Amino acid sequence: MTKNESEARCLVPVVGLPGSGKSFFASRFAEALGAVYLSSDVMRMKCW
């Protein structure tokens, strides 16, 4: 088992009203944790 396979993985959804700072919070939170930040806005733009 590699190091990555032995580490726990977690998805943290961030929800809230429009303009409430979800993307700002989520990007800073991911940075503080050394995690990957996935923006649903960016993902939707790539799909369509």
PDB file of N, CA and C in Angstrom:
ATOM      1  N   MET A   1       0.846  -1.180   0.000  1.00  0.00           N
ATOM      2  CA  MET A   1       0.000   0.000   0.000  1.00  0.00           C
ATOM      3  C   MET A   1       0.890   1.242   0.000  1.00  0.00           C
ATOM      4  N   THR A   2       0.610   2.190  -0.889  1.00  0.00           N
ATOM      5  CA  THR A   2       1.397   3.416  -0.941  1.00  0.00           C
ATOM      6  C   THR A   2       0.922   4.382   0.130  1.00  0.00           C
ATOM      7  N   LYS A   3       1.699   5.410   0.342  1.00  0.00           N
ATOM      8  CA  LYS A   3       1.345   6.417   1.347  1.00  0.00           C
ATOM      9  C   LYS A   3      -0.024   7.018   1.042  1.00  0.00           C
ATOM     10  N   ASN A   4      -0.281   7.366  -0.221  1.00  0.00           N
ATOM     11  CA  ASN A   4      -1.552   7.986  -0.578  1.00  0.00           C
ATOM     12  C   ASN A   4      -2.730   7.060  -0.329  1.00  0.00           C
ATOM     13  N   GLU A   5      -2.543   5.749  -0.561  1.00  0.00           N
ATOM     14  CA  GLU A   5      -3.631   4.808  -0.365  1.00  0.00           C
ATOM     15  C   GLU A   5      -3.947   4.612   1.110  1.00  0.00           C
ATOM     16  N   SER A   6      -2.978   4.807   1.979  1.00  0.00           N
ATOM     17  CA  SER A   6      -3.203   4.586   3.397  1.00  0.00           C
ATOM     18  C   SER A   6      -3.781   5.817   4.097  1.00  0.00           C
ATOM     19  N   GLU A   7      -3.767   6.964   3.449  1.00  0.00           N
ATOM     20  CA  GLU A   7      -4.305   8.176   4.048  1.00  0.00           C
ATOM     21  C   GLU A   7      -5.815   8.236   3.866  1.00  0.00           C
ATOM     22  N   ALA A   8      -6.502   8.728   4.871  1.00  0.00           N
ATOM     23  CA  ALA A   8      -7.946   8.901   4.772  1.00  0.00           C
ATOM     24  C   ALA A   8      -8.258  10.036   3.809  1.00  0.00           C
ATOM     25  N   ARG A   9      -9.311   9.864   3.059  1.00  0.00           N
ATOM     26  CA  ARG A   9      -9.746  10.915   2.133  1.00  0.00           C
ATOM     27  C   ARG A   9     -11.108  11.407   2.566  1.00  0.00           C
ATOM     28  N   CYS A  10     -11.343  12.677   2.340  1.00  0.00           N
ATOM     29  CA  CYS A  10     -12.574  13.279   2.824  1.00  0.00           C
ATOM     30  C   CYS A  10     -13.045  14.337   1.824  1.00  0.00           C
ATOM     31  N   LEU A  11     -14.329  14.403   1.598  1.00  0.00           N
ATOM     32  CA  LEU A  11     -14.930  15.430   0.759  1.00  0.00           C
ATOM     33  C   LEU A  11     -15.686  16.373   1.684  1.00  0.00           C
ATOM     34  N   VAL A  12     -15.386  17.670   1.573  1.00  0.00           N
ATOM     35  CA  VAL A  12     -16.042  18.660   2.433  1.00  0.00           C
ATOM     36  C   VAL A  12     -16.870  19.587   1.550  1.00  0.00           C
ATOM     37  N   PRO A  13     -18.171  19.340   1.433  1.00  0.00           N
ATOM     38  CA  PRO A  13     -19.010  20.250   0.643  1.00  0.00           C
ATOM     39  C   PRO A  13     -19.237  21.550   1.417  1.00  0.00           C
ATOM     40  N   VAL A  14     -19.192  22.655   0.705  1.00  0.00           N
ATOM     41  CA  VAL A  14     -19.436  23.967   1.317  1.00  0.00           C
ATOM     42  C   VAL A  14     -20.698  24.524   0.660  1.00  0.00           C
ATOM     43  N   VAL A  15     -21.690  24.811   1.462  1.00  0.00           N
ATOM     44  CA  VAL A  15     -22.970  25.296   0.943  1.00  0.00           C
ATOM     45  C   VAL A  15     -23.327  26.625   1.585  1.00  0.00           C
ATOM     46  N   GLY A  16     -24.144  27.399   0.885  1.00  0.00           N
ATOM     47  CA  GLY A  16     -24.589  28.678   1.420  1.00  0.00           C
ATOM     48  C   GLY A  16     -25.304  29.488   0.361  1.00  0.00           C
ATOM     49  N   LEU A  17     -25.763  30.629   0.756  1.00  0.00           N
ATOM     50  CA  LEU A  17     -26.480  31.519  -0.156  1.00  0.00           C
ATOM     51  C   LEU A  17     -25.530  32.117  -1.191  1.00  0.00           C
ATOM     52  N   PRO A  18     -26.059  32.525  -2.344  1.00  0.00           N
ATOM     53  CA  PRO A  18     -25.224  33.180  -3.351  1.00  0.00           C
ATOM     54  C   PRO A  18     -24.539  34.416  -2.779  1.00  0.00           C
ATOM     55  N   GLY A  19     -23.263  34.550  -3.079  1.00  0.00           N
ATOM     56  CA  GLY A  19     -22.513  35.724  -2.625  1.00  0.00           C
ATOM     57  C   GLY A  19     -22.083  35.676  -1.174  1.00  0.00           C
ATOM     58  N   SER A  20     -22.220  34.521  -0.530  1.00  0.00           N
ATOM     59  CA  SER A  20     -21.885  34.446   0.898  1.00  0.00           C
ATOM     60  C   SER A  20     -20.420  34.131   1.166  1.00  0.00           C
ATOM     61  N   GLY A  21     -19.627  33.893   0.122  1.00  0.00           N
ATOM     62  CA  GLY A  21     -18.200  33.644   0.303  1.00  0.00           C
ATOM     63  C   GLY A  21     -17.796  32.186   0.341  1.00  0.00           C
ATOM     64  N   LYS A  22     -18.634  31.322  -0.230  1.00  0.00           N
ATOM     65  CA  LYS A  22     -18.337  29.889  -0.236  1.00  0.00           C
ATOM     66  C   LYS A  22     -17.022  29.577  -0.927  1.00  0.00           C
ATOM     67  N   SER A  23     -16.818  30.105  -2.118  1.00  0.00           N
ATOM     68  CA  SER A  23     -15.594  29.827  -2.876  1.00  0.00           C
ATOM     69  C   SER A  23     -14.372  30.387  -2.164  1.00  0.00           C
ATOM     70  N   PHE A  24     -14.493  31.576  -1.628  1.00  0.00           N
ATOM     71  CA  PHE A  24     -13.396  32.192  -0.885  1.00  0.00           C
ATOM     72  C   PHE A  24     -13.022  31.320   0.309  1.00  0.00           C
ATOM     73  N   PHE A  25     -14.025  30.941   1.100  1.00  0.00           N
ATOM     74  CA  PHE A  25     -13.771  30.113   2.274  1.00  0.00           C
ATOM     75  C   PHE A  25     -13.177  28.766   1.881  1.00  0.00           C
ATOM     76  N   ALA A  26     -13.790  28.106   0.899  1.00  0.00           N
ATOM     77  CA  ALA A  26     -13.354  26.761   0.511  1.00  0.00           C
ATOM     78  C   ALA A  26     -11.924  26.753  -0.013  1.00  0.00           C
ATOM     79  N   SER A  27     -11.560  27.747  -0.811  1.00  0.00           N
ATOM     80  CA  SER A  27     -10.196  27.787  -1.347  1.00  0.00           C
ATOM     81  C   SER A  27      -9.174  28.025  -0.237  1.00  0.00           C
ATOM     82  N   ARG A  28      -9.494  28.900   0.704  1.00  0.00           N
ATOM     83  CA  ARG A  28      -8.569  29.158   1.824  1.00  0.00           C
ATOM     84  C   ARG A  28      -8.495  27.962   2.766  1.00  0.00           C
ATOM     85  N   PHE A  29      -9.620  27.309   2.991  1.00  0.00           N
ATOM     86  CA  PHE A  29      -9.672  26.133   3.855  1.00  0.00           C
ATOM     87  C   PHE A  29      -8.827  25.000   3.263  1.00  0.00           C
ATOM     88  N   ALA A  30      -8.980  24.769   1.960  1.00  0.00           N
ATOM     89  CA  ALA A  30      -8.196  23.726   1.291  1.00  0.00           C
ATOM     90  C   ALA A  30      -6.710  24.045   1.361  1.00  0.00           C
ATOM     91  N   GLU A  31      -6.360  25.302   1.157  1.00  0.00           N
ATOM     92  CA  GLU A  31      -4.954  25.719   1.236  1.00  0.00           C
ATOM     93  C   GLU A  31      -4.391  25.460   2.636  1.00  0.00           C
ATOM     94  N   ALA A  32      -5.155  25.792   3.658  1.00  0.00           N
ATOM     95  CA  ALA A  32      -4.699  25.602   5.035  1.00  0.00           C
ATOM     96  C   ALA A  32      -4.499  24.127   5.371  1.00  0.00           C
ATOM     97  N   LEU A  33      -5.307  23.262   4.752  1.00  0.00           N
ATOM     98  CA  LEU A  33      -5.200  21.825   5.004  1.00  0.00           C
ATOM     99  C   LEU A  33      -4.214  21.131   4.079  1.00  0.00           C
ATOM    100  N   GLY A  34      -3.746  21.844   3.066  1.00  0.00           N
ATOM    101  CA  GLY A  34      -2.905  21.207   2.060  1.00  0.00           C
ATOM    102  C   GLY A  34      -3.716  20.259   1.201  1.00  0.00           C
ATOM    103  N   ALA A  35      -4.983  20.594   1.003  1.00  0.00           N
ATOM    104  CA  ALA A  35      -5.915  19.745   0.259  1.00  0.00           C
ATOM    105  C   ALA A  35      -6.132  20.291  -1.149  1.00  0.00           C
ATOM    106  N   VAL A  36      -6.845  19.536  -1.936  1.00  0.00           N
ATOM    107  CA  VAL A  36      -7.203  19.943  -3.296  1.00  0.00           C
ATOM    108  C   VAL A  36      -8.528  20.691  -3.235  1.00  0.00           C
ATOM    109  N   TYR A  37      -8.601  21.817  -3.915  1.00  0.00           N
ATOM    110  CA  TYR A  37      -9.830  22.604  -3.998  1.00  0.00           C
ATOM    111  C   TYR A  37     -10.455  22.375  -5.361  1.00  0.00           C
ATOM    112  N   LEU A  38     -11.682  21.882  -5.379  1.00  0.00           N
ATOM    113  CA  LEU A  38     -12.415  21.676  -6.621  1.00  0.00           C
ATOM    114  C   LEU A  38     -13.564  22.672  -6.677  1.00  0.00           C
ATOM    115  N   SER A  39     -13.550  23.513  -7.674  1.00  0.00           N
ATOM    116  CA  SER A  39     -14.604  24.509  -7.844  1.00  0.00           C
ATOM    117  C   SER A  39     -15.673  23.954  -8.772  1.00  0.00           C
ATOM    118  N   SER A  40     -16.909  23.895  -8.292  1.00  0.00           N
ATOM    119  CA  SER A  40     -17.994  23.413  -9.151  1.00  0.00           C
ATOM    120  C   SER A  40     -18.211  24.361 -10.329  1.00  0.00           C
ATOM    121  N   ASP A  41     -17.948  25.645 -10.152  1.00  0.00           N
ATOM    122  CA  ASP A  41     -18.082  26.603 -11.254  1.00  0.00           C
ATOM    123  C   ASP A  41     -17.123  26.243 -12.380  1.00  0.00           C
ATOM    124  N   VAL A  42     -15.876  25.966 -12.050  1.00  0.00           N
ATOM    125  CA  VAL A  42     -14.871  25.608 -13.047  1.00  0.00           C
ATOM    126  C   VAL A  42     -15.210  24.268 -13.689  1.00  0.00           C
ATOM    127  N   MET A  43     -15.634  23.322 -12.885  1.00  0.00           N
ATOM    128  CA  MET A  43     -15.977  21.991 -13.409  1.00  0.00           C
ATOM    129  C   MET A  43     -17.134  22.085 -14.407  1.00  0.00           C
ATOM    130  N   ARG A  44     -18.152  22.901 -14.097  1.00  0.00           N
ATOM    131  CA  ARG A  44     -19.285  23.075 -15.022  1.00  0.00           C
ATOM    132  C   ARG A  44     -18.840  23.719 -16.326  1.00  0.00           C
ATOM    133  N   MET A  45     -17.948  24.701 -16.254  1.00  0.00           N
ATOM    134  CA  MET A  45     -17.474  25.374 -17.460  1.00  0.00           C
ATOM    135  C   MET A  45     -16.696  24.409 -18.370  1.00  0.00           C
ATOM    136  N   LYS A  46     -15.950  23.487 -17.787  1.00  0.00           N
ATOM    137  CA  LYS A  46     -15.192  22.522 -18.563  1.00  0.00           C
ATOM    138  C   LYS A  46     -16.093  21.486 -19.220  1.00  0.00           C
ATOM    139  N   CYS A  47     -17.241  21.214 -18.604  1.00  0.00           N
ATOM    140  CA  CYS A  47     -18.157  20.207 -19.141  1.00  0.00           C
ATOM    141  C   CYS A  47     -19.022  20.747 -20.274  1.00  0.00           C
ATOM    142  N   TRP A  48     -19.307  22.017 -20.267  1.00  0.00           N
ATOM    143  CA  TRP A  48     -20.216  22.572 -21.264  1.00  0.00           C
ATOM    144  C   TRP A  48     -19.476  23.492 -22.137  1.00  0.00           C
TER     145      TRP A  48
END
